Amino acid sequence: MADEDAVTYEPVIALFATALFMGLAVSWAATGTLLSARMPEYFVAIAMCLLGLQKLKDVESFSTMFLNYDLLAQRQVRYGYVYPYAETIAGILMLAGALIWVAAPLALFIGTVGAVSVFKAVYIDKRELKCACVGGDSNVPLGFVSLTENLIMIGMGLWMLLSIYVF
């Protein structure tokens, strides 16, 4: 029997693998090819929806864990309760290609706050915390994976803003 308190990346790996295969499936359905130009967008949008859904399972537990490291949530506790909805809504809008002028700044904002918060907690303060990224009941360590998730969200927000104003 597995130790319930053991650190694991299994939930994150399962979520991102599922999001990748769903992104490939959506790409196939939308364009007739697995590796379309929009496939990375589908993947990130689906991953954001799945991550948001994990947080929405128990918003109270998520927000409590999130308060341990998120700088904005520490100043405005309500942000910890709003975050799961914001992440999910941004993912849905990105997937639909709708209201990008809402989805892009939202993804950019939550990704930036998250990246700064994780970087400070893990690399500056050297704290060993659990990540709230897959909900409040996980044993995923806060660190590189969490930072990467936020950086990808920032990249996606910037990509969408560029697509509105440049392309």
C-alpha atoms as a PDB file:
ATOM      1  CA  MET A   1       0.000   0.000   0.000  1.00  0.00           C
ATOM      2  CA  ALA A   2       1.319   3.428  -0.955  1.00  0.00           C
ATOM      3  CA  ASP A   3       2.196   6.010   1.682  1.00  0.00           C
ATOM      4  CA  GLU A   4      -0.524   8.705   1.635  1.00  0.00           C
ATOM      5  CA  ASP A   5       2.005  11.367   2.658  1.00  0.00           C
ATOM      6  CA  ALA A   6       4.613  10.461   0.041  1.00  0.00           C
ATOM      7  CA  VAL A   7       5.569  13.151  -2.459  1.00  0.00           C
ATOM      8  CA  THR A   8       4.361  12.317  -5.957  1.00  0.00           C
ATOM      9  CA  TYR A   9       4.156  13.808  -9.417  1.00  0.00           C
ATOM     10  CA  GLU A  10       1.609  11.222 -10.619  1.00  0.00           C
ATOM     11  CA  PRO A  11      -1.412  13.582 -10.574  1.00  0.00           C
ATOM     12  CA  VAL A  12       0.444  16.196 -12.623  1.00  0.00           C
ATOM     13  CA  ILE A  13       1.771  13.636 -15.098  1.00  0.00           C
ATOM     14  CA  ALA A  14      -1.682  12.097 -15.536  1.00  0.00           C
ATOM     15  CA  LEU A  15      -3.319  15.490 -15.988  1.00  0.00           C
ATOM     16  CA  PHE A  16      -0.825  16.785 -18.543  1.00  0.00           C
ATOM     17  CA  ALA A  17      -0.734  13.492 -20.469  1.00  0.00           C
ATOM     18  CA  THR A  18      -4.531  13.566 -20.664  1.00  0.00           C
ATOM     19  CA  ALA A  19      -4.482  17.226 -21.753  1.00  0.00           C
ATOM     20  CA  LEU A  20      -1.897  16.413 -24.433  1.00  0.00           C
ATOM     21  CA  PHE A  21      -3.945  13.570 -25.876  1.00  0.00           C
ATOM     22  CA  MET A  22      -7.112  15.658 -25.704  1.00  0.00           C
ATOM     23  CA  GLY A  23      -5.273  18.490 -27.502  1.00  0.00           C
ATOM     24  CA  LEU A  24      -4.224  16.059 -30.217  1.00  0.00           C
ATOM     25  CA  ALA A  25      -7.810  14.790 -30.496  1.00  0.00           C
ATOM     26  CA  VAL A  26      -9.234  18.308 -30.784  1.00  0.00           C
ATOM     27  CA  SER A  27      -6.584  19.155 -33.372  1.00  0.00           C
ATOM     28  CA  TRP A  28      -7.545  16.058 -35.350  1.00  0.00           C
ATOM     29  CA  ALA A  29     -11.249  16.871 -35.140  1.00  0.00           C
ATOM     30  CA  ALA A  30     -10.761  20.536 -36.047  1.00  0.00           C
ATOM     31  CA  THR A  31      -8.106  20.264 -38.772  1.00  0.00           C
ATOM     32  CA  GLY A  32      -7.780  16.617 -39.777  1.00  0.00           C
ATOM     33  CA  THR A  33      -4.204  16.493 -38.509  1.00  0.00           C
ATOM     34  CA  LEU A  34      -2.722  15.751 -35.105  1.00  0.00           C
ATOM     35  CA  LEU A  35      -0.010  18.388 -35.194  1.00  0.00           C
ATOM     36  CA  SER A  36      -1.783  21.521 -36.338  1.00  0.00           C
ATOM     37  CA  ALA A  37      -0.539  25.019 -35.562  1.00  0.00           C
ATOM     38  CA  ARG A  38      -3.279  25.331 -32.904  1.00  0.00           C
ATOM     39  CA  MET A  39      -2.548  21.999 -31.185  1.00  0.00           C
ATOM     40  CA  PRO A  40      -0.265  23.583 -28.534  1.00  0.00           C
ATOM     41  CA  GLU A  41      -3.024  26.116 -27.821  1.00  0.00           C
ATOM     42  CA  TYR A  42      -5.557  23.315 -27.425  1.00  0.00           C
ATOM     43  CA  PHE A  43      -3.188  21.449 -25.108  1.00  0.00           C
ATOM     44  CA  VAL A  44      -2.570  24.444 -22.827  1.00  0.00           C
ATOM     45  CA  ALA A  45      -6.243  25.441 -22.783  1.00  0.00           C
ATOM     46  CA  ILE A  46      -7.342  21.914 -21.900  1.00  0.00           C
ATOM     47  CA  ALA A  47      -4.627  21.633 -19.234  1.00  0.00           C
ATOM     48  CA  MET A  48      -5.868  24.885 -17.684  1.00  0.00           C
ATOM     49  CA  CYS A  49      -9.443  23.573 -17.672  1.00  0.00           C
ATOM     50  CA  LEU A  50      -8.381  20.292 -16.060  1.00  0.00           C
ATOM     51  CA  LEU A  51      -6.227  22.073 -13.488  1.00  0.00           C
ATOM     52  CA  GLY A  52      -9.084  24.446 -12.719  1.00  0.00           C
ATOM     53  CA  LEU A  53     -11.471  21.530 -12.350  1.00  0.00           C
ATOM     54  CA  GLN A  54      -9.152  19.867  -9.828  1.00  0.00           C
ATOM     55  CA  LYS A  55      -9.168  23.065  -7.789  1.00  0.00           C
ATOM     56  CA  LEU A  56     -12.941  23.446  -8.089  1.00  0.00           C
ATOM     57  CA  LYS A  57     -13.462  20.005  -6.484  1.00  0.00           C
ATOM     58  CA  ASP A  58     -12.739  21.625  -3.132  1.00  0.00           C
ATOM     59  CA  VAL A  59     -12.193  25.372  -3.392  1.00  0.00           C
ATOM     60  CA  GLU A  60     -11.843  25.737   0.375  1.00  0.00           C
ATOM     61  CA  SER A  61      -9.022  23.180   0.595  1.00  0.00           C
ATOM     62  CA  PHE A  62      -7.322  24.635  -2.485  1.00  0.00           C
ATOM     63  CA  SER A  63      -7.456  28.208  -1.177  1.00  0.00           C
ATOM     64  CA  THR A  64      -6.053  27.150   2.205  1.00  0.00           C
ATOM     65  CA  MET A  65      -3.081  25.430   0.556  1.00  0.00           C
ATOM     66  CA  PHE A  66      -2.690  28.294  -1.954  1.00  0.00           C
ATOM     67  CA  LEU A  67      -2.384  30.827   0.902  1.00  0.00           C
ATOM     68  CA  ASN A  68       0.877  29.157   1.930  1.00  0.00           C
ATOM     69  CA  TYR A  69       2.738  30.601  -1.029  1.00  0.00           C
ATOM     70  CA  ASP A  70       0.685  32.858  -3.304  1.00  0.00           C
ATOM     71  CA  LEU A  71       1.636  36.478  -2.677  1.00  0.00           C
ATOM     72  CA  LEU A  72      -1.651  37.982  -3.871  1.00  0.00           C
ATOM     73  CA  ALA A  73      -3.801  35.471  -1.968  1.00  0.00           C
ATOM     74  CA  GLN A  74      -1.844  36.349   1.176  1.00  0.00           C
ATOM     75  CA  ARG A  75      -2.883  39.999   0.733  1.00  0.00           C
ATOM     76  CA  GLN A  76      -6.360  39.383  -0.692  1.00  0.00           C
ATOM     77  CA  VAL A  77      -7.690  36.059   0.597  1.00  0.00           C
ATOM     78  CA  ARG A  78     -10.609  36.189  -1.862  1.00  0.00           C
ATOM     79  CA  TYR A  79      -8.113  35.725  -4.716  1.00  0.00           C
ATOM     80  CA  GLY A  80      -7.585  32.134  -3.550  1.00  0.00           C
ATOM     81  CA  TYR A  81     -11.297  31.521  -4.027  1.00  0.00           C
ATOM     82  CA  VAL A  82     -11.500  33.320  -7.385  1.00  0.00           C
ATOM     83  CA  TYR A  83      -8.379  31.717  -8.893  1.00  0.00           C
ATOM     84  CA  PRO A  84      -9.898  28.289  -9.793  1.00  0.00           C
ATOM     85  CA  TYR A  85     -12.770  29.973 -11.640  1.00  0.00           C
ATOM     86  CA  ALA A  86     -10.440  32.409 -13.419  1.00  0.00           C
ATOM     87  CA  GLU A  87      -8.135  29.597 -14.577  1.00  0.00           C
ATOM     88  CA  THR A  88     -11.048  27.483 -15.804  1.00  0.00           C
ATOM     89  CA  ILE A  89     -12.761  30.379 -17.595  1.00  0.00           C
ATOM     90  CA  ALA A  90      -9.506  31.441 -19.280  1.00  0.00           C
ATOM     91  CA  GLY A  91      -8.953  27.842 -20.455  1.00  0.00           C
ATOM     92  CA  ILE A  92     -12.487  27.517 -21.833  1.00  0.00           C
ATOM     93  CA  LEU A  93     -12.261  30.843 -23.672  1.00  0.00           C
ATOM     94  CA  MET A  94      -8.837  29.916 -25.079  1.00  0.00           C
ATOM     95  CA  LEU A  95     -10.147  26.554 -26.256  1.00  0.00           C
ATOM     96  CA  ALA A  96     -13.112  28.219 -27.943  1.00  0.00           C
ATOM     97  CA  GLY A  97     -10.968  30.985 -29.432  1.00  0.00           C
ATOM     98  CA  ALA A  98     -13.529  33.419 -28.010  1.00  0.00           C
ATOM     99  CA  LEU A  99     -13.170  36.609 -26.035  1.00  0.00           C
ATOM    100  CA  ILE A 100      -9.393  36.397 -26.316  1.00  0.00           C
ATOM    101  CA  TRP A 101      -9.209  39.995 -25.081  1.00  0.00           C
ATOM    102  CA  VAL A 102     -10.528  38.591 -21.747  1.00  0.00           C
ATOM    103  CA  ALA A 103      -8.746  35.223 -21.722  1.00  0.00           C
ATOM    104  CA  ALA A 104      -5.268  36.511 -22.627  1.00  0.00           C
ATOM    105  CA  PRO A 105      -4.924  39.154 -19.881  1.00  0.00           C
ATOM    106  CA  LEU A 106      -6.503  36.755 -17.382  1.00  0.00           C
ATOM    107  CA  ALA A 107      -3.992  33.986 -18.195  1.00  0.00           C
ATOM    108  CA  LEU A 108      -1.150  36.504 -18.216  1.00  0.00           C
ATOM    109  CA  PHE A 109      -2.169  37.920 -14.829  1.00  0.00           C
ATOM    110  CA  ILE A 110      -2.679  34.645 -12.953  1.00  0.00           C
ATOM    111  CA  GLY A 111       0.402  33.109 -14.592  1.00  0.00           C
ATOM    112  CA  THR A 112       2.610  36.061 -13.642  1.00  0.00           C
ATOM    113  CA  VAL A 113       1.393  36.249 -10.045  1.00  0.00           C
ATOM    114  CA  GLY A 114       1.802  32.485  -9.764  1.00  0.00           C
ATOM    115  CA  ALA A 115       5.301  32.432 -11.250  1.00  0.00           C
ATOM    116  CA  VAL A 116       6.552  35.223  -8.988  1.00  0.00           C
ATOM    117  CA  SER A 117       4.950  33.573  -5.941  1.00  0.00           C
ATOM    118  CA  VAL A 118       6.383  30.115  -6.664  1.00  0.00           C
ATOM    119  CA  PHE A 119       9.830  31.525  -7.488  1.00  0.00           C
ATOM    120  CA  LYS A 120       9.923  33.497  -4.235  1.00  0.00           C
ATOM    121  CA  ALA A 121       8.652  30.633  -2.051  1.00  0.00           C
ATOM    122  CA  VAL A 122      10.858  27.917  -3.545  1.00  0.00           C
ATOM    123  CA  TYR A 123      14.013  29.584  -4.847  1.00  0.00           C
ATOM    124  CA  ILE A 124      14.369  32.653  -2.609  1.00  0.00           C
ATOM    125  CA  ASP A 125      12.754  31.610   0.682  1.00  0.00           C
ATOM    126  CA  LYS A 126      13.777  27.942   0.162  1.00  0.00           C
ATOM    127  CA  ARG A 127      10.453  26.705   1.536  1.00  0.00           C
ATOM    128  CA  GLU A 128       9.357  23.099   1.030  1.00  0.00           C
ATOM    129  CA  LEU A 129       5.635  23.267   0.338  1.00  0.00           C
ATOM    130  CA  LYS A 130       2.976  21.238  -1.389  1.00  0.00           C
ATOM    131  CA  CYS A 131       1.629  22.640  -4.623  1.00  0.00           C
ATOM    132  CA  ALA A 132      -2.063  23.476  -4.802  1.00  0.00           C
ATOM    133  CA  CYS A 133      -1.907  23.083  -8.600  1.00  0.00           C
ATOM    134  CA  VAL A 134      -3.971  19.880  -8.728  1.00  0.00           C
ATOM    135  CA  GLY A 135      -6.224  20.799  -5.838  1.00  0.00           C
ATOM    136  CA  GLY A 136      -5.844  21.028  -2.109  1.00  0.00           C
ATOM    137  CA  ASP A 137      -5.481  17.317  -1.418  1.00  0.00           C
ATOM    138  CA  SER A 138      -2.330  16.535  -3.377  1.00  0.00           C
ATOM    139  CA  ASN A 139       1.224  15.729  -2.342  1.00  0.00           C
ATOM    140  CA  VAL A 140       2.829  17.338  -5.377  1.00  0.00           C
ATOM    141  CA  PRO A 141       5.823  19.409  -4.256  1.00  0.00           C
ATOM    142  CA  LEU A 142       5.889  23.109  -5.082  1.00  0.00           C
ATOM    143  CA  GLY A 143       8.818  23.778  -7.380  1.00  0.00           C
ATOM    144  CA  PHE A 144       9.969  23.455 -10.972  1.00  0.00           C
ATOM    145  CA  VAL A 145       6.739  21.880 -12.255  1.00  0.00           C
ATOM    146  CA  SER A 146       4.607  24.592 -10.641  1.00  0.00           C
ATOM    147  CA  LEU A 147       6.850  27.323 -11.984  1.00  0.00           C
ATOM    148  CA  THR A 148       6.766  25.773 -15.458  1.00  0.00           C
ATOM    149  CA  GLU A 149       2.956  25.639 -15.405  1.00  0.00           C
ATOM    150  CA  ASN A 150       2.821  29.344 -14.621  1.00  0.00           C
ATOM    151  CA  LEU A 151       5.429  30.221 -17.249  1.00  0.00           C
ATOM    152  CA  ILE A 152       3.427  28.293 -19.860  1.00  0.00           C
ATOM    153  CA  MET A 153       0.325  30.249 -18.850  1.00  0.00           C
ATOM    154  CA  ILE A 154       2.283  33.504 -19.251  1.00  0.00           C
ATOM    155  CA  GLY A 155       3.532  32.343 -22.656  1.00  0.00           C
ATOM    156  CA  MET A 156       0.014  31.457 -23.746  1.00  0.00           C
ATOM    157  CA  GLY A 157      -1.325  34.811 -22.587  1.00  0.00           C
ATOM    158  CA  LEU A 158       1.393  36.632 -24.522  1.00  0.00           C
ATOM    159  CA  TRP A 159       0.839  34.434 -27.590  1.00  0.00           C
ATOM    160  CA  MET A 160      -2.877  35.208 -27.576  1.00  0.00           C
ATOM    161  CA  LEU A 161      -2.261  38.947 -27.161  1.00  0.00           C
ATOM    162  CA  LEU A 162       0.156  38.850 -30.083  1.00  0.00           C
ATOM    163  CA  SER A 163      -2.388  36.956 -32.164  1.00  0.00           C
ATOM    164  CA  ILE A 164      -4.943  39.709 -31.527  1.00  0.00           C
ATOM    165  CA  TYR A 165      -2.705  42.653 -32.299  1.00  0.00           C
ATOM    166  CA  VAL A 166      -0.082  41.322 -34.708  1.00  0.00           C
ATOM    167  CA  PHE A 167      -1.553  38.486 -36.746  1.00  0.00           C
END
